[in-house]
Amino acid sequence: MAEASERSVLGNFNHAKFSYAGITSTFFKRDGKFFVNTDGPEGKLHDYEIKYTFGITPLQQYLIEFPDGRLQALSIAWDARSKKAGGQRWFHLYPKERITYDDELHWNRP
């Protein structure tokens, strides 16, 4: 686990998009920080700052800090393997499910 920085973040945050369950999430940088625009607790899109990275290989997850101080791991992760090995892409941890904001498995739920 490390603070999100140019050295620690492996994922594509160059306005990369990933769609899952009818939601398109966008990964981007602003003012030297890493963000994702994705669905929040009420199902609406919000910008969330990536505070920490978790893991290096074969995947890296991203942690978002909520106002109450809790850290939540995004359900979209970065496949850190080489492109030749099928990596260098975003993927959902539950690819065969349809996890929406009101599901207990949604990334922002307890």
Protein backbone atom coordinates (compact mmCIF):
# COMPACT_ATOMS: atom_id res chain seq x y z
CA MET A 1 0.00 0.00 0.00
CA ALA A 2 1.32 3.43 -0.93
CA GLU A 3 0.10 6.99 -1.32
CA ALA A 4 -1.04 7.63 -4.88
CA SER A 5 1.79 9.28 -6.80
CA GLU A 6 3.50 9.18 -10.18
CA ARG A 7 5.84 6.54 -8.75
CA SER A 8 3.20 4.27 -7.22
CA VAL A 9 0.25 4.43 -9.65
CA LEU A 10 0.52 1.92 -12.50
CA GLY A 11 -2.91 2.39 -14.10
CA ASN A 12 -3.81 4.48 -17.13
CA PHE A 13 -5.11 7.82 -15.81
CA ASN A 14 -4.93 9.60 -19.17
CA HIS A 15 -8.71 10.02 -19.46
CA ALA A 16 -9.08 6.25 -19.81
CA LYS A 17 -12.64 4.97 -19.81
CA PHE A 18 -14.08 1.70 -18.52
CA SER A 19 -17.74 0.63 -18.81
CA TYR A 20 -19.51 -1.81 -16.51
CA ALA A 21 -23.20 -2.34 -15.63
CA GLY A 22 -24.28 0.73 -17.61
CA ILE A 23 -21.75 3.08 -15.95
CA THR A 24 -18.74 4.52 -17.75
CA SER A 25 -15.95 5.43 -15.32
CA THR A 26 -13.19 7.81 -16.39
CA PHE A 27 -9.69 7.78 -14.89
CA PHE A 28 -7.82 11.09 -15.03
CA LYS A 29 -5.27 13.39 -13.38
CA ARG A 30 -5.87 16.91 -12.10
CA ASP A 31 -3.39 19.19 -10.33
CA GLY A 32 -0.92 16.32 -9.92
CA LYS A 33 -3.51 14.05 -8.26
CA PHE A 34 -5.29 10.94 -9.53
CA PHE A 35 -9.08 10.76 -9.86
CA VAL A 36 -11.89 8.56 -11.07
CA ASN A 37 -15.29 9.79 -12.18
CA THR A 38 -17.62 6.94 -11.28
CA ASP A 39 -20.92 6.12 -9.60
CA GLY A 40 -21.23 6.87 -5.92
CA PRO A 41 -23.58 5.80 -3.12
CA GLU A 42 -26.70 7.18 -4.83
CA GLY A 43 -25.76 5.94 -8.31
CA LYS A 44 -24.72 9.35 -9.66
CA LEU A 45 -21.32 10.10 -11.18
CA HIS A 46 -18.82 11.96 -8.98
CA ASP A 47 -15.11 12.70 -9.09
CA TYR A 48 -13.24 10.76 -6.40
CA GLU A 49 -9.62 11.32 -5.55
CA ILE A 50 -7.44 8.21 -5.45
CA LYS A 51 -5.63 8.43 -2.11
CA TYR A 52 -3.73 5.13 -2.07
CA THR A 53 -2.67 2.26 -4.28
CA PHE A 54 -2.85 -1.32 -3.10
CA GLY A 55 -0.75 -4.04 -4.73
CA ILE A 56 1.61 -4.05 -7.67
CA THR A 57 1.29 -7.23 -9.66
CA PRO A 58 -0.65 -8.91 -11.15
CA LEU A 59 -3.19 -6.22 -10.26
CA GLN A 60 -3.34 -2.87 -8.56
CA GLN A 61 -6.37 -1.56 -6.72
CA TYR A 62 -7.15 2.03 -5.80
CA LEU A 63 -8.44 3.32 -2.48
CA ILE A 64 -10.75 6.29 -2.06
CA GLU A 65 -11.13 8.11 1.25
CA PHE A 66 -14.63 9.17 2.27
CA PRO A 67 -15.35 12.23 4.45
CA ASP A 68 -15.79 10.03 7.54
CA GLY A 69 -12.21 8.74 7.09
CA ARG A 70 -13.01 5.24 5.84
CA LEU A 71 -11.10 3.91 2.86
CA GLN A 72 -12.95 2.02 0.15
CA ALA A 73 -11.34 -0.05 -2.59
CA LEU A 74 -12.69 0.62 -6.05
CA SER A 75 -14.09 -2.51 -7.75
CA ILE A 76 -12.30 -1.57 -10.96
CA ALA A 77 -8.65 -2.58 -10.86
CA TRP A 78 -5.63 -2.25 -13.12
CA ASP A 79 -4.14 -5.39 -14.68
CA ALA A 80 -0.43 -4.66 -14.23
CA ARG A 81 0.80 -7.60 -16.31
CA SER A 82 2.42 -6.87 -19.66
CA LYS A 83 0.20 -6.23 -22.66
CA LYS A 84 1.54 -9.45 -24.20
CA ALA A 85 0.26 -11.37 -21.14
CA GLY A 86 -3.20 -9.75 -21.48
CA GLY A 87 -2.58 -6.89 -19.05
CA GLN A 88 -2.25 -3.11 -19.18
CA ARG A 89 -6.02 -2.69 -18.98
CA TRP A 90 -8.83 -1.85 -16.55
CA PHE A 91 -11.13 -4.66 -15.40
CA HIS A 92 -13.92 -5.20 -12.88
CA LEU A 93 -13.38 -7.57 -9.96
CA TYR A 94 -16.85 -9.08 -10.53
CA PRO A 95 -16.91 -9.35 -14.34
CA LYS A 96 -19.78 -11.85 -14.55
CA GLU A 97 -22.00 -9.99 -12.09
CA ARG A 98 -23.97 -6.77 -12.49
CA ILE A 99 -23.02 -4.85 -9.35
CA THR A 100 -24.85 -1.51 -9.17
CA TYR A 101 -24.78 1.24 -6.52
CA ASP A 102 -27.57 -0.37 -4.45
CA ASP A 103 -25.87 -3.79 -4.27
CA GLU A 104 -24.05 -4.82 -1.08
CA LEU A 105 -20.97 -5.63 -3.17
CA HIS A 106 -20.76 -2.13 -4.69
CA TRP A 107 -17.38 -0.52 -4.02
CA ASN A 108 -18.73 2.19 -1.71
CA ARG A 109 -20.81 -0.10 0.52
CA PRO A 110 -19.61 -1.45 3.91
